[in-house]
Each structure stands twice: as C-alpha cells, then as structure tokens.
Amino acid sequence: MPQYLMSVHMVDGQPPPDDATTQKMYADVGAYNDRLQAEGAWVFAGGLHPADVATVVRTEGGEVVTTDGPFAESKEHIGGFWVITAADLDAALALAADASKACQGPVEVRPFQEEPSA
C-alpha cells in the first residue's frame, strides 16, 4: 500500500494557542493517532521543536559545513508530521482532513516515491 507524508505547517510569529486550546489539540491528536493505529494506517509520527533550533548539514567542496537555523528562509516550517499508509491519494486526503481538524493547522500530503524495480 502506498505511503504518504502528512506534514503540519507552523507559521513563525503566530501567537501560541492558550493552554485550554493546546490541551484540546494534544487530546485530539492523541485520539487521531490511536485511530490511525487501530485502522492500520499508522507508520510513524512526531512533533518537532521550532525551526530556529534546527541545524543544516551540507557538503561544500568536500568539506562538511553546519549552520544554525532552518534550511529554508521562510515564515512557515514543518512543525510535525505523520507517515501513513493509505489505499490511494483520496484516502490519504480524507485522513489529512481529520488530521487538520485535530491539530488545528494546515496539513500537506505528499506521496513517497515508489522503489525502482530491480
């Protein structure tokens, strides 16, 4: 069955939700995760620290260079993600709609590339 990445986007400078909203989001995402596991769609998921604590590692001229901060100069960054299995894109989009409700944010859906035949 195909796998999909469902990524949650966070916007820099957006005020954090109040404690009650945060607790509801955690509860809703926990229930959503339980549902994915029960339905056999769950592969892996996780929340991320803010992008300003990221480290970018690249090779330039044979040397490894690390820099602080996110790779992309953007106001939006990935805040968390799910890796799921779904029968097709429509099924993945339906799961993403429920994910967006649970985490109260936009969720991008992208299929994984298929492994080349040997």
PDB file of N, CA and C in Angstrom:
ATOM      1  N   MET A   1       0.852  -1.175   0.000  1.00  0.00           N
ATOM      2  CA  MET A   1       0.000   0.000   0.000  1.00  0.00           C
ATOM      3  C   MET A   1       0.901   1.243   0.000  1.00  0.00           C
ATOM      4  N   PRO A   2       0.536   2.277  -0.764  1.00  0.00           N
ATOM      5  CA  PRO A   2       1.374   3.482  -0.815  1.00  0.00           C
ATOM      6  C   PRO A   2       1.490   4.174   0.544  1.00  0.00           C
ATOM      7  N   GLN A   3       2.625   4.834   0.740  1.00  0.00           N
ATOM      8  CA  GLN A   3       2.834   5.622   1.954  1.00  0.00           C
ATOM      9  C   GLN A   3       2.801   7.105   1.601  1.00  0.00           C
ATOM     10  N   TYR A   4       2.329   7.907   2.559  1.00  0.00           N
ATOM     11  CA  TYR A   4       2.200   9.347   2.389  1.00  0.00           C
ATOM     12  C   TYR A   4       2.778  10.061   3.602  1.00  0.00           C
ATOM     13  N   LEU A   5       3.380  11.211   3.346  1.00  0.00           N
ATOM     14  CA  LEU A   5       3.818  12.108   4.410  1.00  0.00           C
ATOM     15  C   LEU A   5       2.742  13.165   4.576  1.00  0.00           C
ATOM     16  N   MET A   6       2.239  13.304   5.781  1.00  0.00           N
ATOM     17  CA  MET A   6       1.297  14.389   6.102  1.00  0.00           C
ATOM     18  C   MET A   6       2.040  15.318   7.048  1.00  0.00           C
ATOM     19  N   SER A   7       2.411  16.500   6.557  1.00  0.00           N
ATOM     20  CA  SER A   7       3.198  17.424   7.370  1.00  0.00           C
ATOM     21  C   SER A   7       2.335  18.588   7.835  1.00  0.00           C
ATOM     22  N   VAL A   8       2.550  18.960   9.089  1.00  0.00           N
ATOM     23  CA  VAL A   8       1.830  20.062   9.720  1.00  0.00           C
ATOM     24  C   VAL A   8       2.715  21.293   9.637  1.00  0.00           C
ATOM     25  N   HIS A   9       2.172  22.388   9.153  1.00  0.00           N
ATOM     26  CA  HIS A   9       2.955  23.615   8.998  1.00  0.00           C
ATOM     27  C   HIS A   9       2.633  24.607  10.100  1.00  0.00           C
ATOM     28  N   MET A  10       3.686  25.198  10.635  1.00  0.00           N
ATOM     29  CA  MET A  10       3.574  26.225  11.666  1.00  0.00           C
ATOM     30  C   MET A  10       4.064  27.540  11.076  1.00  0.00           C
ATOM     31  N   VAL A  11       3.493  28.663  11.517  1.00  0.00           N
ATOM     32  CA  VAL A  11       3.860  29.971  10.991  1.00  0.00           C
ATOM     33  C   VAL A  11       4.640  30.728  12.057  1.00  0.00           C
ATOM     34  N   ASP A  12       5.866  31.181  11.699  1.00  0.00           N
ATOM     35  CA  ASP A  12       6.682  31.985  12.617  1.00  0.00           C
ATOM     36  C   ASP A  12       5.911  33.234  13.027  1.00  0.00           C
ATOM     37  N   GLY A  13       6.036  33.601  14.291  1.00  0.00           N
ATOM     38  CA  GLY A  13       5.413  34.820  14.782  1.00  0.00           C
ATOM     39  C   GLY A  13       3.946  34.689  15.123  1.00  0.00           C
ATOM     40  N   GLN A  14       3.345  33.555  14.802  1.00  0.00           N
ATOM     41  CA  GLN A  14       1.943  33.342  15.148  1.00  0.00           C
ATOM     42  C   GLN A  14       1.861  33.111  16.653  1.00  0.00           C
ATOM     43  N   PRO A  15       0.969  33.822  17.333  1.00  0.00           N
ATOM     44  CA  PRO A  15       0.906  33.632  18.786  1.00  0.00           C
ATOM     45  C   PRO A  15       0.508  32.196  19.132  1.00  0.00           C
ATOM     46  N   PRO A  16       1.117  31.642  20.166  1.00  0.00           N
ATOM     47  CA  PRO A  16       0.764  30.271  20.551  1.00  0.00           C
ATOM     48  C   PRO A  16      -0.670  30.228  21.081  1.00  0.00           C
ATOM     49  N   PRO A  17      -1.327  29.085  20.912  1.00  0.00           N
ATOM     50  CA  PRO A  17      -2.676  28.960  21.449  1.00  0.00           C
ATOM     51  C   PRO A  17      -2.663  28.995  22.974  1.00  0.00           C
ATOM     52  N   ASP A  18      -3.798  29.345  23.554  1.00  0.00           N
ATOM     53  CA  ASP A  18      -3.892  29.352  25.013  1.00  0.00           C
ATOM     54  C   ASP A  18      -3.831  27.921  25.535  1.00  0.00           C
ATOM     55  N   ASP A  19      -3.682  27.775  26.848  1.00  0.00           N
ATOM     56  CA  ASP A  19      -3.496  26.451  27.456  1.00  0.00           C
ATOM     57  C   ASP A  19      -4.658  25.505  27.176  1.00  0.00           C
ATOM     58  N   ALA A  20      -5.879  26.006  27.244  1.00  0.00           N
ATOM     59  CA  ALA A  20      -7.040  25.143  27.006  1.00  0.00           C
ATOM     60  C   ALA A  20      -7.040  24.626  25.576  1.00  0.00           C
ATOM     61  N   THR A  21      -6.732  25.494  24.619  1.00  0.00           N
ATOM     62  CA  THR A  21      -6.689  25.084  23.215  1.00  0.00           C
ATOM     63  C   THR A  21      -5.561  24.091  22.996  1.00  0.00           C
ATOM     64  N   THR A  22      -4.403  24.340  23.598  1.00  0.00           N
ATOM     65  CA  THR A  22      -3.269  23.427  23.470  1.00  0.00           C
ATOM     66  C   THR A  22      -3.621  22.048  24.008  1.00  0.00           C
ATOM     67  N   GLN A  23      -4.249  21.988  25.172  1.00  0.00           N
ATOM     68  CA  GLN A  23      -4.625  20.701  25.760  1.00  0.00           C
ATOM     69  C   GLN A  23      -5.628  19.963  24.879  1.00  0.00           C
ATOM     70  N   LYS A  24      -6.578  20.693  24.276  1.00  0.00           N
ATOM     71  CA  LYS A  24      -7.555  20.076  23.370  1.00  0.00           C
ATOM     72  C   LYS A  24      -6.848  19.534  22.134  1.00  0.00           C
ATOM     73  N   MET A  25      -5.904  20.307  21.597  1.00  0.00           N
ATOM     74  CA  MET A  25      -5.162  19.835  20.423  1.00  0.00           C
ATOM     75  C   MET A  25      -4.394  18.552  20.751  1.00  0.00           C
ATOM     76  N   TYR A  26      -3.721  18.520  21.903  1.00  0.00           N
ATOM     77  CA  TYR A  26      -2.989  17.314  22.288  1.00  0.00           C
ATOM     78  C   TYR A  26      -3.931  16.121  22.421  1.00  0.00           C
ATOM     79  N   ALA A  27      -5.070  16.335  23.035  1.00  0.00           N
ATOM     80  CA  ALA A  27      -6.042  15.249  23.205  1.00  0.00           C
ATOM     81  C   ALA A  27      -6.583  14.785  21.854  1.00  0.00           C
ATOM     82  N   ASP A  28      -6.913  15.748  20.987  1.00  0.00           N
ATOM     83  CA  ASP A  28      -7.455  15.401  19.671  1.00  0.00           C
ATOM     84  C   ASP A  28      -6.420  14.680  18.815  1.00  0.00           C
ATOM     85  N   VAL A  29      -5.181  15.129  18.844  1.00  0.00           N
ATOM     86  CA  VAL A  29      -4.131  14.459  18.075  1.00  0.00           C
ATOM     87  C   VAL A  29      -3.864  13.067  18.650  1.00  0.00           C
ATOM     88  N   GLY A  30      -3.882  12.927  19.969  1.00  0.00           N
ATOM     89  CA  GLY A  30      -3.716  11.605  20.578  1.00  0.00           C
ATOM     90  C   GLY A  30      -4.805  10.643  20.143  1.00  0.00           C
ATOM     91  N   ALA A  31      -6.048  11.113  20.125  1.00  0.00           N
ATOM     92  CA  ALA A  31      -7.163  10.274  19.672  1.00  0.00           C
ATOM     93  C   ALA A  31      -7.016   9.939  18.186  1.00  0.00           C
ATOM     94  N   TYR A  32      -6.586  10.912  17.402  1.00  0.00           N
ATOM     95  CA  TYR A  32      -6.364  10.678  15.977  1.00  0.00           C
ATOM     96  C   TYR A  32      -5.263   9.638  15.764  1.00  0.00           C
ATOM     97  N   ASN A  33      -4.169   9.748  16.512  1.00  0.00           N
ATOM     98  CA  ASN A  33      -3.087   8.756  16.421  1.00  0.00           C
ATOM     99  C   ASN A  33      -3.585   7.364  16.772  1.00  0.00           C
ATOM    100  N   ASP A  34      -4.404   7.267  17.827  1.00  0.00           N
ATOM    101  CA  ASP A  34      -4.982   5.978  18.219  1.00  0.00           C
ATOM    102  C   ASP A  34      -5.820   5.394  17.084  1.00  0.00           C
ATOM    103  N   ARG A  35      -6.584   6.267  16.419  1.00  0.00           N
ATOM    104  CA  ARG A  35      -7.429   5.826  15.296  1.00  0.00           C
ATOM    105  C   ARG A  35      -6.564   5.308  14.150  1.00  0.00           C
ATOM    106  N   LEU A  36      -5.506   6.061  13.793  1.00  0.00           N
ATOM    107  CA  LEU A  36      -4.621   5.605  12.712  1.00  0.00           C
ATOM    108  C   LEU A  36      -4.031   4.237  13.028  1.00  0.00           C
ATOM    109  N   GLN A  37      -3.620   4.043  14.283  1.00  0.00           N
ATOM    110  CA  GLN A  37      -3.046   2.758  14.676  1.00  0.00           C
ATOM    111  C   GLN A  37      -4.085   1.644  14.598  1.00  0.00           C
ATOM    112  N   ALA A  38      -5.300   1.909  15.069  1.00  0.00           N
ATOM    113  CA  ALA A  38      -6.355   0.901  15.047  1.00  0.00           C
ATOM    114  C   ALA A  38      -6.746   0.524  13.618  1.00  0.00           C
ATOM    115  N   GLU A  39      -6.690   1.494  12.702  1.00  0.00           N
ATOM    116  CA  GLU A  39      -7.069   1.246  11.306  1.00  0.00           C
ATOM    117  C   GLU A  39      -5.922   0.677  10.474  1.00  0.00           C
ATOM    118  N   GLY A  40      -4.729   0.572  11.060  1.00  0.00           N
ATOM    119  CA  GLY A  40      -3.587   0.032  10.337  1.00  0.00           C
ATOM    120  C   GLY A  40      -2.942   1.019   9.376  1.00  0.00           C
ATOM    121  N   ALA A  41      -3.268   2.309   9.489  1.00  0.00           N
ATOM    122  CA  ALA A  41      -2.707   3.330   8.603  1.00  0.00           C
ATOM    123  C   ALA A  41      -1.426   3.945   9.181  1.00  0.00           C
ATOM    124  N   TRP A  42      -1.192   3.753  10.463  1.00  0.00           N
ATOM    125  CA  TRP A  42      -0.066   4.369  11.175  1.00  0.00           C
ATOM    126  C   TRP A  42       1.254   3.741  10.750  1.00  0.00           C
ATOM    127  N   VAL A  43       2.234   4.568  10.411  1.00  0.00           N
ATOM    128  CA  VAL A  43       3.605   4.113  10.221  1.00  0.00           C
ATOM    129  C   VAL A  43       4.485   4.784  11.269  1.00  0.00           C
ATOM    130  N   PHE A  44       4.419   6.129  11.334  1.00  0.00           N
ATOM    131  CA  PHE A  44       5.252   6.882  12.258  1.00  0.00           C
ATOM    132  C   PHE A  44       4.726   8.302  12.320  1.00  0.00           C
ATOM    133  N   ALA A  45       4.919   8.966  13.457  1.00  0.00           N
ATOM    134  CA  ALA A  45       4.534  10.370  13.582  1.00  0.00           C
ATOM    135  C   ALA A  45       5.405  11.037  14.631  1.00  0.00           C
ATOM    136  N   GLY A  46       5.467  12.360  14.582  1.00  0.00           N
ATOM    137  CA  GLY A  46       6.217  13.082  15.590  1.00  0.00           C
ATOM    138  C   GLY A  46       6.035  14.582  15.463  1.00  0.00           C
ATOM    139  N   GLY A  47       6.160  15.255  16.593  1.00  0.00           N
ATOM    140  CA  GLY A  47       6.161  16.705  16.618  1.00  0.00           C
ATOM    141  C   GLY A  47       7.607  17.190  16.654  1.00  0.00           C
ATOM    142  N   LEU A  48       7.837  18.375  16.131  1.00  0.00           N
ATOM    143  CA  LEU A  48       9.193  18.908  16.042  1.00  0.00           C
ATOM    144  C   LEU A  48       9.334  20.167  16.881  1.00  0.00           C
ATOM    145  N   HIS A  49      10.557  20.411  17.364  1.00  0.00           N
ATOM    146  CA  HIS A  49      10.861  21.681  18.019  1.00  0.00           C
ATOM    147  C   HIS A  49      10.815  22.780  16.962  1.00  0.00           C
ATOM    148  N   PRO A  50      10.760  24.041  17.372  1.00  0.00           N
ATOM    149  CA  PRO A  50      10.710  25.143  16.399  1.00  0.00           C
ATOM    150  C   PRO A  50      11.913  25.130  15.453  1.00  0.00           C
ATOM    151  N   ALA A  51      11.711  25.699  14.270  1.00  0.00           N
ATOM    152  CA  ALA A  51      12.738  25.696  13.225  1.00  0.00           C
ATOM    153  C   ALA A  51      14.004  26.441  13.636  1.00  0.00           C
ATOM    154  N   ASP A  52      13.893  27.368  14.578  1.00  0.00           N
ATOM    155  CA  ASP A  52      15.089  28.135  14.952  1.00  0.00           C
ATOM    156  C   ASP A  52      16.117  27.310  15.721  1.00  0.00           C
ATOM    157  N   VAL A  53      15.780  26.081  16.120  1.00  0.00           N
ATOM    158  CA  VAL A  53      16.760  25.207  16.768  1.00  0.00           C
ATOM    159  C   VAL A  53      17.336  24.169  15.799  1.00  0.00           C
ATOM    160  N   ALA A  54      16.956  24.267  14.512  1.00  0.00           N
ATOM    161  CA  ALA A  54      17.454  23.331  13.506  1.00  0.00           C
ATOM    162  C   ALA A  54      18.930  23.588  13.209  1.00  0.00           C
ATOM    163  N   THR A  55      19.601  22.568  12.737  1.00  0.00           N
ATOM    164  CA  THR A  55      20.962  22.675  12.230  1.00  0.00           C
ATOM    165  C   THR A  55      20.963  22.081  10.830  1.00  0.00           C
ATOM    166  N   VAL A  56      21.528  22.803   9.874  1.00  0.00           N
ATOM    167  CA  VAL A  56      21.621  22.345   8.496  1.00  0.00           C
ATOM    168  C   VAL A  56      23.031  21.815   8.266  1.00  0.00           C
ATOM    169  N   VAL A  57      23.126  20.621   7.711  1.00  0.00           N
ATOM    170  CA  VAL A  57      24.405  19.986   7.407  1.00  0.00           C
ATOM    171  C   VAL A  57      24.496  19.848   5.889  1.00  0.00           C
ATOM    172  N   ARG A  58      25.588  20.340   5.316  1.00  0.00           N
ATOM    173  CA  ARG A  58      25.785  20.219   3.873  1.00  0.00           C
ATOM    174  C   ARG A  58      27.262  19.989   3.593  1.00  0.00           C
ATOM    175  N   THR A  59      27.528  19.465   2.400  1.00  0.00           N
ATOM    176  CA  THR A  59      28.894  19.276   1.946  1.00  0.00           C
ATOM    177  C   THR A  59      29.176  20.311   0.867  1.00  0.00           C
ATOM    178  N   GLU A  60      30.239  21.082   1.069  1.00  0.00           N
ATOM    179  CA  GLU A  60      30.653  22.097   0.104  1.00  0.00           C
ATOM    180  C   GLU A  60      32.135  21.899  -0.184  1.00  0.00           C
ATOM    181  N   GLY A  61      32.460  21.587  -1.434  1.00  0.00           N
ATOM    182  CA  GLY A  61      33.858  21.386  -1.805  1.00  0.00           C
ATOM    183  C   GLY A  61      34.532  20.284  -1.023  1.00  0.00           C
ATOM    184  N   GLY A  62      33.793  19.245  -0.680  1.00  0.00           N
ATOM    185  CA  GLY A  62      34.353  18.127   0.062  1.00  0.00           C
ATOM    186  C   GLY A  62      34.402  18.323   1.566  1.00  0.00           C
ATOM    187  N   GLU A  63      34.027  19.502   2.040  1.00  0.00           N
ATOM    188  CA  GLU A  63      34.022  19.795   3.474  1.00  0.00           C
ATOM    189  C   GLU A  63      32.581  19.773   3.999  1.00  0.00           C
ATOM    190  N   VAL A  64      32.410  19.303   5.213  1.00  0.00           N
ATOM    191  CA  VAL A  64      31.100  19.323   5.859  1.00  0.00           C
ATOM    192  C   VAL A  64      30.949  20.661   6.578  1.00  0.00           C
ATOM    193  N   VAL A  65      29.855  21.350   6.274  1.00  0.00           N
ATOM    194  CA  VAL A  65      29.579  22.661   6.861  1.00  0.00           C
ATOM    195  C   VAL A  65      28.240  22.579   7.591  1.00  0.00           C
ATOM    196  N   THR A  66      28.192  23.078   8.830  1.00  0.00           N
ATOM    197  CA  THR A  66      26.931  23.133   9.565  1.00  0.00           C
ATOM    198  C   THR A  66      26.592  24.593   9.834  1.00  0.00           C
ATOM    199  N   THR A  67      25.304  24.893   9.745  1.00  0.00           N
ATOM    200  CA  THR A  67      24.829  26.244  10.049  1.00  0.00           C
ATOM    201  C   THR A  67      23.600  26.132  10.934  1.00  0.00           C
ATOM    202  N   ASP A  68      23.423  27.112  11.798  1.00  0.00           N
ATOM    203  CA  ASP A  68      22.260  27.140  12.675  1.00  0.00           C
ATOM    204  C   ASP A  68      21.033  27.630  11.910  1.00  0.00           C
ATOM    205  N   GLY A  69      19.887  27.165  12.366  1.00  0.00           N
ATOM    206  CA  GLY A  69      18.633  27.656  11.819  1.00  0.00           C
ATOM    207  C   GLY A  69      18.113  26.805  10.684  1.00  0.00           C
ATOM    208  N   PRO A  70      16.916  27.100  10.251  1.00  0.00           N
ATOM    209  CA  PRO A  70      16.297  26.270   9.218  1.00  0.00           C
ATOM    210  C   PRO A  70      16.979  26.452   7.871  1.00  0.00           C
ATOM    211  N   PHE A  71      16.848  25.457   7.027  1.00  0.00           N
ATOM    212  CA  PHE A  71      17.407  25.500   5.684  1.00  0.00           C
ATOM    213  C   PHE A  71      16.685  26.545   4.845  1.00  0.00           C
ATOM    214  N   ALA A  72      15.367  26.534   4.884  1.00  0.00           N
ATOM    215  CA  ALA A  72      14.574  27.445   4.054  1.00  0.00           C
ATOM    216  C   ALA A  72      14.372  28.775   4.772  1.00  0.00           C
ATOM    217  N   GLU A  73      14.554  29.865   4.035  1.00  0.00           N
ATOM    218  CA  GLU A  73      14.238  31.200   4.544  1.00  0.00           C
ATOM    219  C   GLU A  73      12.745  31.394   4.347  1.00  0.00           C
ATOM    220  N   SER A  74      11.981  31.099   5.365  1.00  0.00           N
ATOM    221  CA  SER A  74      10.532  31.092   5.232  1.00  0.00           C
ATOM    222  C   SER A  74       9.894  31.411   6.567  1.00  0.00           C
ATOM    223  N   LYS A  75       8.652  31.845   6.522  1.00  0.00           N
ATOM    224  CA  LYS A  75       7.899  32.068   7.759  1.00  0.00           C
ATOM    225  C   LYS A  75       7.136  30.813   8.166  1.00  0.00           C
ATOM    226  N   GLU A  76       7.027  29.854   7.256  1.00  0.00           N
ATOM    227  CA  GLU A  76       6.336  28.602   7.551  1.00  0.00           C
ATOM    228  C   GLU A  76       7.351  27.465   7.590  1.00  0.00           C
ATOM    229  N   HIS A  77       7.214  26.614   8.593  1.00  0.00           N
ATOM    230  CA  HIS A  77       8.111  25.476   8.761  1.00  0.00           C
ATOM    231  C   HIS A  77       7.295  24.268   9.194  1.00  0.00           C
ATOM    232  N   ILE A  78       7.854  23.091   8.975  1.00  0.00           N
ATOM    233  CA  ILE A  78       7.181  21.871   9.414  1.00  0.00           C
ATOM    234  C   ILE A  78       7.246  21.802  10.931  1.00  0.00           C
ATOM    235  N   GLY A  79       6.088  21.640  11.544  1.00  0.00           N
ATOM    236  CA  GLY A  79       6.008  21.558  12.995  1.00  0.00           C
ATOM    237  C   GLY A  79       5.827  20.135  13.501  1.00  0.00           C
ATOM    238  N   GLY A  80       5.407  19.252  12.619  1.00  0.00           N
ATOM    239  CA  GLY A  80       5.189  17.856  12.972  1.00  0.00           C
ATOM    240  C   GLY A  80       4.749  17.103  11.737  1.00  0.00           C
ATOM    241  N   PHE A  81       4.602  15.791  11.860  1.00  0.00           N
ATOM    242  CA  PHE A  81       4.265  15.000  10.681  1.00  0.00           C
ATOM    243  C   PHE A  81       3.731  13.636  11.063  1.00  0.00           C
ATOM    244  N   TRP A  82       3.077  13.024  10.114  1.00  0.00           N
ATOM    245  CA  TRP A  82       2.686  11.619  10.170  1.00  0.00           C
ATOM    246  C   TRP A  82       3.203  10.962   8.900  1.00  0.00           C
ATOM    247  N   VAL A  83       3.607   9.711   8.994  1.00  0.00           N
ATOM    248  CA  VAL A  83       3.818   8.867   7.828  1.00  0.00           C
ATOM    249  C   VAL A  83       2.731   7.809   7.923  1.00  0.00           C
ATOM    250  N   ILE A  84       1.922   7.714   6.872  1.00  0.00           N
ATOM    251  CA  ILE A  84       0.778   6.794   6.888  1.00  0.00           C
ATOM    252  C   ILE A  84       0.800   5.899   5.655  1.00  0.00           C
ATOM    253  N   THR A  85       0.013   4.844   5.716  1.00  0.00           N
ATOM    254  CA  THR A  85      -0.305   4.063   4.532  1.00  0.00           C
ATOM    255  C   THR A  85      -1.765   4.322   4.216  1.00  0.00           C
ATOM    256  N   ALA A  86      -2.078   4.391   2.949  1.00  0.00           N
ATOM    257  CA  ALA A  86      -3.461   4.590   2.516  1.00  0.00           C
ATOM    258  C   ALA A  86      -3.629   3.928   1.160  1.00  0.00           C
ATOM    259  N   ALA A  87      -4.829   3.524   0.855  1.00  0.00           N
ATOM    260  CA  ALA A  87      -5.097   2.830  -0.401  1.00  0.00           C
ATOM    261  C   ALA A  87      -4.756   3.683  -1.610  1.00  0.00           C
ATOM    262  N   ASP A  88      -5.007   4.997  -1.508  1.00  0.00           N
ATOM    263  CA  ASP A  88      -4.735   5.906  -2.622  1.00  0.00           C
ATOM    264  C   ASP A  88      -4.734   7.338  -2.091  1.00  0.00           C
ATOM    265  N   LEU A  89      -4.492   8.291  -2.987  1.00  0.00           N
ATOM    266  CA  LEU A  89      -4.415   9.691  -2.585  1.00  0.00           C
ATOM    267  C   LEU A  89      -5.720  10.177  -1.968  1.00  0.00           C
ATOM    268  N   ASP A  90      -6.848   9.766  -2.510  1.00  0.00           N
ATOM    269  CA  ASP A  90      -8.126  10.205  -1.940  1.00  0.00           C
ATOM    270  C   ASP A  90      -8.270   9.762  -0.486  1.00  0.00           C
ATOM    271  N   ALA A  91      -7.864   8.535  -0.195  1.00  0.00           N
ATOM    272  CA  ALA A  91      -7.938   8.045   1.187  1.00  0.00           C
ATOM    273  C   ALA A  91      -6.968   8.826   2.077  1.00  0.00           C
ATOM    274  N   ALA A  92      -5.787   9.147   1.557  1.00  0.00           N
ATOM    275  CA  ALA A  92      -4.814   9.929   2.329  1.00  0.00           C
ATOM    276  C   ALA A  92      -5.345  11.334   2.595  1.00  0.00           C
ATOM    277  N   LEU A  93      -5.996  11.935   1.601  1.00  0.00           N
ATOM    278  CA  LEU A  93      -6.560  13.279   1.779  1.00  0.00           C
ATOM    279  C   LEU A  93      -7.683  13.274   2.813  1.00  0.00           C
ATOM    280  N   ALA A  94      -8.472  12.213   2.844  1.00  0.00           N
ATOM    281  CA  ALA A  94      -9.530  12.108   3.862  1.00  0.00           C
ATOM    282  C   ALA A  94      -8.916  12.021   5.257  1.00  0.00           C
ATOM    283  N   LEU A  95      -7.839  11.253   5.398  1.00  0.00           N
ATOM    284  CA  LEU A  95      -7.156  11.178   6.693  1.00  0.00           C
ATOM    285  C   LEU A  95      -6.537  12.524   7.052  1.00  0.00           C
ATOM    286  N   ALA A  96      -6.008  13.229   6.070  1.00  0.00           N
ATOM    287  CA  ALA A  96      -5.399  14.538   6.318  1.00  0.00           C
ATOM    288  C   ALA A  96      -6.446  15.561   6.766  1.00  0.00           C
ATOM    289  N   ALA A  97      -7.655  15.461   6.255  1.00  0.00           N
ATOM    290  CA  ALA A  97      -8.722  16.376   6.685  1.00  0.00           C
ATOM    291  C   ALA A  97      -8.969  16.221   8.181  1.00  0.00           C
ATOM    292  N   ASP A  98      -8.994  14.989   8.648  1.00  0.00           N
ATOM    293  CA  ASP A  98      -9.182  14.751  10.079  1.00  0.00           C
ATOM    294  C   ASP A  98      -7.946  15.175  10.879  1.00  0.00           C
ATOM    295  N   ALA A  99      -6.753  15.003  10.298  1.00  0.00           N
ATOM    296  CA  ALA A  99      -5.525  15.449  10.963  1.00  0.00           C
ATOM    297  C   ALA A  99      -5.536  16.961  11.138  1.00  0.00           C
ATOM    298  N   SER A 100      -5.981  17.682  10.115  1.00  0.00           N
ATOM    299  CA  SER A 100      -6.040  19.140  10.181  1.00  0.00           C
ATOM    300  C   SER A 100      -6.999  19.608  11.279  1.00  0.00           C
ATOM    301  N   LYS A 101      -8.121  18.907  11.402  1.00  0.00           N
ATOM    302  CA  LYS A 101      -9.068  19.242  12.480  1.00  0.00           C
ATOM    303  C   LYS A 101      -8.428  18.999  13.843  1.00  0.00           C
ATOM    304  N   ALA A 102      -7.718  17.884  13.981  1.00  0.00           N
ATOM    305  CA  ALA A 102      -7.132  17.519  15.273  1.00  0.00           C
ATOM    306  C   ALA A 102      -6.042  18.499  15.695  1.00  0.00           C
ATOM    307  N   CYS A 103      -5.157  18.862  14.755  1.00  0.00           N
ATOM    308  CA  CYS A 103      -4.024  19.716  15.131  1.00  0.00           C
ATOM    309  C   CYS A 103      -4.317  21.200  14.911  1.00  0.00           C
ATOM    310  N   GLN A 104      -5.477  21.495  14.354  1.00  0.00           N
ATOM    311  CA  GLN A 104      -5.923  22.875  14.125  1.00  0.00           C
ATOM    312  C   GLN A 104      -4.928  23.660  13.274  1.00  0.00           C
ATOM    313  N   GLY A 105      -4.426  23.014  12.228  1.00  0.00           N
ATOM    314  CA  GLY A 105      -3.493  23.667  11.328  1.00  0.00           C
ATOM    315  C   GLY A 105      -3.518  23.008   9.960  1.00  0.00           C
ATOM    316  N   PRO A 106      -2.859  23.645   8.988  1.00  0.00           N
ATOM    317  CA  PRO A 106      -2.809  23.049   7.651  1.00  0.00           C
ATOM    318  C   PRO A 106      -1.940  21.799   7.626  1.00  0.00           C
ATOM    319  N   VAL A 107      -2.342  20.837   6.818  1.00  0.00           N
ATOM    320  CA  VAL A 107      -1.612  19.580   6.670  1.00  0.00           C
ATOM    321  C   VAL A 107      -1.358  19.347   5.179  1.00  0.00           C
ATOM    322  N   GLU A 108      -0.095  19.231   4.813  1.00  0.00           N
ATOM    323  CA  GLU A 108       0.282  18.942   3.425  1.00  0.00           C
ATOM    324  C   GLU A 108       0.425  17.440   3.262  1.00  0.00           C
ATOM    325  N   VAL A 109      -0.064  16.912   2.146  1.00  0.00           N
ATOM    326  CA  VAL A 109       0.012  15.477   1.862  1.00  0.00           C
ATOM    327  C   VAL A 109       0.897  15.274   0.642  1.00  0.00           C
ATOM    328  N   ARG A 110       1.921  14.408   0.803  1.00  0.00           N
ATOM    329  CA  ARG A 110       2.809  14.090  -0.314  1.00  0.00           C
ATOM    330  C   ARG A 110       3.078  12.596  -0.324  1.00  0.00           C
ATOM    331  N   PRO A 111       2.916  11.968  -1.493  1.00  0.00           N
ATOM    332  CA  PRO A 111       3.225  10.530  -1.584  1.00  0.00           C
ATOM    333  C   PRO A 111       4.728  10.310  -1.593  1.00  0.00           C
ATOM    334  N   PHE A 112       5.151   9.187  -1.044  1.00  0.00           N
ATOM    335  CA  PHE A 112       6.530   8.762  -1.147  1.00  0.00           C
ATOM    336  C   PHE A 112       6.764   8.237  -2.566  1.00  0.00           C
ATOM    337  N   GLN A 113       7.978   8.385  -3.048  1.00  0.00           N
ATOM    338  CA  GLN A 113       8.331   7.815  -4.339  1.00  0.00           C
ATOM    339  C   GLN A 113       8.329   6.307  -4.223  1.00  0.00           C
ATOM    340  N   GLU A 114       7.935   5.663  -5.298  1.00  0.00           N
ATOM    341  CA  GLU A 114       7.947   4.201  -5.310  1.00  0.00           C
ATOM    342  C   GLU A 114       9.363   3.715  -5.537  1.00  0.00           C
ATOM    343  N   GLU A 115       9.692   2.583  -4.946  1.00  0.00           N
ATOM    344  CA  GLU A 115      11.009   1.996  -5.122  1.00  0.00           C
ATOM    345  C   GLU A 115      11.159   1.530  -6.585  1.00  0.00           C
ATOM    346  N   PRO A 116      12.303   1.813  -7.194  1.00  0.00           N
ATOM    347  CA  PRO A 116      12.502   1.340  -8.569  1.00  0.00           C
ATOM    348  C   PRO A 116      12.571  -0.191  -8.598  1.00  0.00           C
ATOM    349  N   SER A 117      12.086  -0.759  -9.680  1.00  0.00           N
ATOM    350  CA  SER A 117      12.145  -2.220  -9.843  1.00  0.00           C
ATOM    351  C   SER A 117      13.570  -2.631 -10.114  1.00  0.00           C
ATOM    352  N   ALA A 118      13.968  -3.752  -9.533  1.00  0.00           N
ATOM    353  CA  ALA A 118      15.342  -4.240  -9.708  1.00  0.00           C
ATOM    354  C   ALA A 118      15.473  -5.059 -10.958  1.00  0.00           C
TER     355      ALA A 118
END
